[in-house]
Amino acid sequence: MLHDFADAMDLDREVQAGPKKQPRKREWQHLWVSRPVAVMLDWFIRHHPESAHHYIGEITREAHTRWGVPAEDTLYTLRQAVAMDGKLNREDAESFFALLTPPAKND
């Protein structure tokens, strides 16, 4: 997954190095996970949910450390990948990813 994210970041750098238009807000929705990786993630979640939680948490932390990607955006990307290419039903996917979602900050 991190390799796919790295490819997305490299592509983003190439696009930003091109002709300058209006400055844009930094968005991470261009992250992607390749289909084989999404299928593997789906299988991992269905068969080893506890381990999947741990590793997805590590992936989320690493994406934030390397590229400053907010946890919510990493989880959104992974959730979308599983929804598009996986066999996990919607209810199970929502409850799985809900447990990974960082708590809201109460100021």
N, C-alpha and C. Protein backbone atom coordinates (compact mmCIF):
# COMPACT_ATOMS: atom_id res chain seq x y z
N MET A 1 0.82 -1.18 0.00
CA MET A 1 0.00 0.00 0.00
C MET A 1 0.86 1.25 0.00
N LEU A 2 1.92 1.22 0.81
CA LEU A 2 2.80 2.38 0.84
C LEU A 2 3.48 2.59 -0.51
N HIS A 3 3.77 1.50 -1.22
CA HIS A 3 4.36 1.64 -2.55
C HIS A 3 3.38 2.34 -3.49
N ASP A 4 2.10 1.96 -3.44
CA ASP A 4 1.09 2.63 -4.25
C ASP A 4 0.96 4.10 -3.86
N PHE A 5 1.00 4.39 -2.57
CA PHE A 5 0.95 5.77 -2.11
C PHE A 5 2.17 6.55 -2.61
N ALA A 6 3.35 5.92 -2.58
CA ALA A 6 4.56 6.58 -3.06
C ALA A 6 4.44 6.92 -4.54
N ASP A 7 3.87 6.01 -5.32
CA ASP A 7 3.63 6.30 -6.74
C ASP A 7 2.71 7.50 -6.91
N ALA A 8 1.67 7.57 -6.09
CA ALA A 8 0.74 8.70 -6.16
C ALA A 8 1.45 10.01 -5.81
N MET A 9 2.31 9.96 -4.80
CA MET A 9 3.04 11.17 -4.40
C MET A 9 4.02 11.60 -5.49
N ASP A 10 4.69 10.64 -6.12
CA ASP A 10 5.61 10.97 -7.21
C ASP A 10 4.86 11.62 -8.37
N LEU A 11 3.70 11.07 -8.70
CA LEU A 11 2.90 11.64 -9.77
C LEU A 11 2.45 13.05 -9.40
N ASP A 12 2.07 13.25 -8.15
CA ASP A 12 1.65 14.57 -7.70
C ASP A 12 2.79 15.58 -7.84
N ARG A 13 3.99 15.16 -7.49
CA ARG A 13 5.15 16.07 -7.63
C ARG A 13 5.38 16.43 -9.09
N GLU A 14 5.23 15.46 -9.99
CA GLU A 14 5.40 15.73 -11.42
C GLU A 14 4.36 16.72 -11.91
N VAL A 15 3.13 16.54 -11.49
CA VAL A 15 2.05 17.44 -11.91
C VAL A 15 2.30 18.84 -11.36
N GLN A 16 2.72 18.93 -10.11
CA GLN A 16 2.96 20.25 -9.51
C GLN A 16 4.18 20.93 -10.11
N ALA A 17 5.10 20.17 -10.68
CA ALA A 17 6.28 20.76 -11.30
C ALA A 17 5.95 21.32 -12.68
N GLY A 18 4.79 20.98 -13.21
CA GLY A 18 4.37 21.45 -14.52
C GLY A 18 4.00 22.92 -14.48
N PRO A 19 3.36 23.41 -15.55
CA PRO A 19 2.97 24.83 -15.61
C PRO A 19 2.11 25.22 -14.41
N LYS A 20 2.41 26.37 -13.88
CA LYS A 20 1.70 26.83 -12.68
C LYS A 20 0.38 27.47 -13.06
N LYS A 21 -0.64 27.03 -12.38
CA LYS A 21 -1.96 27.64 -12.51
C LYS A 21 -2.25 28.29 -11.17
N GLN A 22 -3.49 28.33 -10.80
CA GLN A 22 -3.83 28.87 -9.49
C GLN A 22 -3.36 27.92 -8.41
N PRO A 23 -2.89 28.46 -7.28
CA PRO A 23 -2.52 27.57 -6.19
C PRO A 23 -3.74 26.76 -5.75
N ARG A 24 -3.52 25.51 -5.48
CA ARG A 24 -4.65 24.67 -5.07
C ARG A 24 -4.49 24.21 -3.64
N LYS A 25 -5.63 23.95 -3.06
CA LYS A 25 -5.64 23.43 -1.70
C LYS A 25 -5.03 22.03 -1.72
N ARG A 26 -4.24 21.71 -0.70
CA ARG A 26 -3.62 20.39 -0.65
C ARG A 26 -4.69 19.34 -0.35
N GLU A 27 -4.89 18.45 -1.30
CA GLU A 27 -5.89 17.40 -1.15
C GLU A 27 -5.21 16.05 -1.38
N TRP A 28 -5.69 15.05 -0.66
CA TRP A 28 -5.08 13.73 -0.76
C TRP A 28 -6.01 12.72 -1.41
N GLN A 29 -7.05 13.16 -2.04
CA GLN A 29 -7.99 12.21 -2.63
C GLN A 29 -7.42 11.56 -3.88
N HIS A 30 -6.27 11.98 -4.31
CA HIS A 30 -5.65 11.36 -5.47
C HIS A 30 -4.85 10.12 -5.09
N LEU A 31 -4.78 9.78 -3.82
CA LEU A 31 -4.12 8.54 -3.41
C LEU A 31 -4.88 7.36 -4.00
N TRP A 32 -4.17 6.30 -4.27
CA TRP A 32 -4.84 5.12 -4.76
C TRP A 32 -4.15 3.87 -4.25
N VAL A 33 -4.88 2.78 -4.36
CA VAL A 33 -4.37 1.45 -4.05
C VAL A 33 -4.67 0.61 -5.27
N SER A 34 -3.69 -0.09 -5.79
CA SER A 34 -3.90 -0.91 -6.98
C SER A 34 -4.90 -2.03 -6.68
N ARG A 35 -5.52 -2.54 -7.72
CA ARG A 35 -6.55 -3.55 -7.53
C ARG A 35 -6.03 -4.79 -6.81
N PRO A 36 -4.86 -5.35 -7.19
CA PRO A 36 -4.38 -6.53 -6.46
C PRO A 36 -4.14 -6.25 -4.97
N VAL A 37 -3.68 -5.07 -4.65
CA VAL A 37 -3.45 -4.72 -3.25
C VAL A 37 -4.79 -4.57 -2.52
N ALA A 38 -5.77 -3.98 -3.18
CA ALA A 38 -7.10 -3.84 -2.58
C ALA A 38 -7.73 -5.20 -2.32
N VAL A 39 -7.57 -6.13 -3.24
CA VAL A 39 -8.11 -7.48 -3.06
C VAL A 39 -7.41 -8.16 -1.88
N MET A 40 -6.10 -7.99 -1.79
CA MET A 40 -5.34 -8.56 -0.67
C MET A 40 -5.79 -7.93 0.65
N LEU A 41 -5.99 -6.63 0.67
CA LEU A 41 -6.43 -5.95 1.88
C LEU A 41 -7.79 -6.47 2.31
N ASP A 42 -8.69 -6.62 1.37
CA ASP A 42 -10.01 -7.16 1.67
C ASP A 42 -9.90 -8.55 2.29
N TRP A 43 -9.10 -9.42 1.71
CA TRP A 43 -8.91 -10.77 2.23
C TRP A 43 -8.34 -10.71 3.65
N PHE A 44 -7.35 -9.86 3.84
CA PHE A 44 -6.69 -9.72 5.14
C PHE A 44 -7.70 -9.27 6.20
N ILE A 45 -8.53 -8.30 5.87
CA ILE A 45 -9.54 -7.81 6.81
C ILE A 45 -10.54 -8.91 7.15
N ARG A 46 -10.98 -9.67 6.16
CA ARG A 46 -11.97 -10.71 6.40
C ARG A 46 -11.41 -11.88 7.21
N HIS A 47 -10.15 -12.23 6.99
CA HIS A 47 -9.59 -13.42 7.62
C HIS A 47 -8.75 -13.14 8.87
N HIS A 48 -8.20 -11.95 8.98
CA HIS A 48 -7.36 -11.59 10.13
C HIS A 48 -7.64 -10.16 10.56
N PRO A 49 -8.85 -9.87 11.03
CA PRO A 49 -9.22 -8.48 11.32
C PRO A 49 -8.36 -7.81 12.39
N GLU A 50 -7.93 -8.56 13.40
CA GLU A 50 -7.11 -7.94 14.45
C GLU A 50 -5.75 -7.50 13.89
N SER A 51 -5.13 -8.38 13.12
CA SER A 51 -3.85 -8.03 12.49
C SER A 51 -4.03 -6.90 11.49
N ALA A 52 -5.13 -6.94 10.75
CA ALA A 52 -5.40 -5.89 9.77
C ALA A 52 -5.50 -4.53 10.44
N HIS A 53 -6.16 -4.49 11.60
CA HIS A 53 -6.25 -3.22 12.34
C HIS A 53 -4.86 -2.70 12.67
N HIS A 54 -4.03 -3.57 13.17
CA HIS A 54 -2.67 -3.17 13.54
C HIS A 54 -1.91 -2.62 12.33
N TYR A 55 -1.90 -3.38 11.24
CA TYR A 55 -1.11 -2.97 10.07
C TYR A 55 -1.68 -1.74 9.39
N ILE A 56 -2.98 -1.60 9.35
CA ILE A 56 -3.56 -0.39 8.75
C ILE A 56 -3.21 0.82 9.61
N GLY A 57 -3.20 0.64 10.92
CA GLY A 57 -2.76 1.74 11.80
C GLY A 57 -1.32 2.13 11.51
N GLU A 58 -0.47 1.14 11.27
CA GLU A 58 0.93 1.42 10.94
C GLU A 58 1.06 2.11 9.58
N ILE A 59 0.26 1.68 8.63
CA ILE A 59 0.28 2.32 7.30
C ILE A 59 -0.18 3.76 7.41
N THR A 60 -1.22 3.99 8.19
CA THR A 60 -1.74 5.34 8.40
C THR A 60 -0.68 6.23 9.04
N ARG A 61 0.00 5.71 10.06
CA ARG A 61 1.06 6.47 10.73
C ARG A 61 2.21 6.76 9.76
N GLU A 62 2.61 5.77 9.00
CA GLU A 62 3.73 5.94 8.07
C GLU A 62 3.39 6.94 6.95
N ALA A 63 2.17 6.89 6.43
CA ALA A 63 1.76 7.85 5.40
C ALA A 63 1.78 9.27 5.95
N HIS A 64 1.40 9.41 7.21
CA HIS A 64 1.44 10.74 7.83
C HIS A 64 2.89 11.19 8.05
N THR A 65 3.73 10.29 8.51
CA THR A 65 5.13 10.62 8.77
C THR A 65 5.87 10.97 7.47
N ARG A 66 5.70 10.15 6.44
CA ARG A 66 6.43 10.37 5.19
C ARG A 66 5.93 11.55 4.39
N TRP A 67 4.59 11.66 4.25
CA TRP A 67 4.05 12.64 3.32
C TRP A 67 3.09 13.63 3.95
N GLY A 68 2.83 13.52 5.24
CA GLY A 68 1.89 14.43 5.89
C GLY A 68 0.44 14.16 5.55
N VAL A 69 0.13 12.96 5.10
CA VAL A 69 -1.24 12.61 4.74
C VAL A 69 -2.06 12.42 6.02
N PRO A 70 -3.16 13.15 6.16
CA PRO A 70 -4.00 12.97 7.34
C PRO A 70 -4.55 11.54 7.43
N ALA A 71 -4.68 11.04 8.63
CA ALA A 71 -5.17 9.67 8.84
C ALA A 71 -6.53 9.46 8.18
N GLU A 72 -7.40 10.45 8.26
CA GLU A 72 -8.73 10.31 7.68
C GLU A 72 -8.66 10.06 6.18
N ASP A 73 -7.70 10.69 5.50
CA ASP A 73 -7.58 10.54 4.06
C ASP A 73 -7.00 9.18 3.68
N THR A 74 -6.06 8.70 4.47
CA THR A 74 -5.52 7.35 4.23
C THR A 74 -6.62 6.33 4.42
N LEU A 75 -7.38 6.44 5.50
CA LEU A 75 -8.45 5.48 5.76
C LEU A 75 -9.54 5.56 4.70
N TYR A 76 -9.84 6.76 4.23
CA TYR A 76 -10.82 6.93 3.16
C TYR A 76 -10.37 6.18 1.91
N THR A 77 -9.10 6.33 1.55
CA THR A 77 -8.55 5.66 0.37
C THR A 77 -8.65 4.15 0.51
N LEU A 78 -8.27 3.63 1.68
CA LEU A 78 -8.32 2.19 1.90
C LEU A 78 -9.76 1.68 1.91
N ARG A 79 -10.65 2.44 2.53
CA ARG A 79 -12.06 2.05 2.57
C ARG A 79 -12.65 1.99 1.16
N GLN A 80 -12.32 2.99 0.34
CA GLN A 80 -12.81 3.02 -1.04
C GLN A 80 -12.25 1.84 -1.85
N ALA A 81 -10.99 1.52 -1.64
CA ALA A 81 -10.37 0.41 -2.36
C ALA A 81 -11.07 -0.90 -2.03
N VAL A 82 -11.35 -1.11 -0.76
CA VAL A 82 -12.03 -2.34 -0.33
C VAL A 82 -13.46 -2.36 -0.89
N ALA A 83 -14.12 -1.22 -0.89
CA ALA A 83 -15.50 -1.16 -1.39
C ALA A 83 -15.55 -1.46 -2.89
N MET A 84 -14.57 -1.00 -3.63
CA MET A 84 -14.59 -1.18 -5.08
C MET A 84 -14.12 -2.56 -5.51
N ASP A 85 -13.11 -3.10 -4.84
CA ASP A 85 -12.48 -4.33 -5.33
C ASP A 85 -12.58 -5.52 -4.39
N GLY A 86 -13.25 -5.35 -3.26
CA GLY A 86 -13.29 -6.43 -2.29
C GLY A 86 -14.63 -7.13 -2.21
N LYS A 87 -14.67 -8.15 -1.36
CA LYS A 87 -15.88 -8.94 -1.15
C LYS A 87 -16.54 -8.62 0.19
N LEU A 88 -15.91 -7.78 0.99
CA LEU A 88 -16.43 -7.43 2.30
C LEU A 88 -17.72 -6.64 2.12
N ASN A 89 -18.77 -7.03 2.85
CA ASN A 89 -20.03 -6.31 2.68
C ASN A 89 -19.92 -4.92 3.31
N ARG A 90 -20.81 -4.06 2.91
CA ARG A 90 -20.76 -2.65 3.32
C ARG A 90 -20.81 -2.47 4.84
N GLU A 91 -21.71 -3.19 5.49
CA GLU A 91 -21.85 -3.07 6.95
C GLU A 91 -20.57 -3.45 7.67
N ASP A 92 -19.99 -4.58 7.28
CA ASP A 92 -18.75 -5.04 7.92
C ASP A 92 -17.60 -4.07 7.65
N ALA A 93 -17.53 -3.56 6.43
CA ALA A 93 -16.47 -2.60 6.10
C ALA A 93 -16.62 -1.32 6.92
N GLU A 94 -17.85 -0.84 7.04
CA GLU A 94 -18.08 0.39 7.81
C GLU A 94 -17.72 0.20 9.28
N SER A 95 -18.10 -0.93 9.85
CA SER A 95 -17.79 -1.14 11.27
C SER A 95 -16.29 -1.36 11.47
N PHE A 96 -15.63 -2.03 10.53
CA PHE A 96 -14.19 -2.24 10.64
C PHE A 96 -13.45 -0.90 10.60
N PHE A 97 -13.75 -0.08 9.61
CA PHE A 97 -13.04 1.19 9.46
C PHE A 97 -13.46 2.21 10.52
N ALA A 98 -14.66 2.08 11.07
CA ALA A 98 -15.09 2.99 12.15
C ALA A 98 -14.18 2.82 13.37
N LEU A 99 -13.74 1.61 13.60
CA LEU A 99 -12.84 1.37 14.74
C LEU A 99 -11.45 1.98 14.52
N LEU A 100 -11.10 2.24 13.28
CA LEU A 100 -9.80 2.82 12.96
C LEU A 100 -9.82 4.34 12.92
N THR A 101 -10.99 4.91 12.77
CA THR A 101 -11.11 6.36 12.61
C THR A 101 -10.64 7.07 13.87
N PRO A 102 -9.72 8.03 13.70
CA PRO A 102 -9.25 8.77 14.87
C PRO A 102 -10.40 9.52 15.54
N PRO A 103 -10.36 9.62 16.86
CA PRO A 103 -11.42 10.36 17.54
C PRO A 103 -11.39 11.84 17.18
N ALA A 104 -12.56 12.44 17.19
CA ALA A 104 -12.65 13.87 16.90
C ALA A 104 -11.99 14.64 18.03
N LYS A 105 -11.33 15.72 17.65
CA LYS A 105 -10.69 16.56 18.66
C LYS A 105 -11.72 17.46 19.31
N ASN A 106 -11.75 17.44 20.61
CA ASN A 106 -12.65 18.32 21.37
C ASN A 106 -11.83 19.46 21.94
N ASP A 107 -12.00 20.62 21.35
CA ASP A 107 -11.24 21.79 21.83
C ASP A 107 -11.95 22.48 22.96
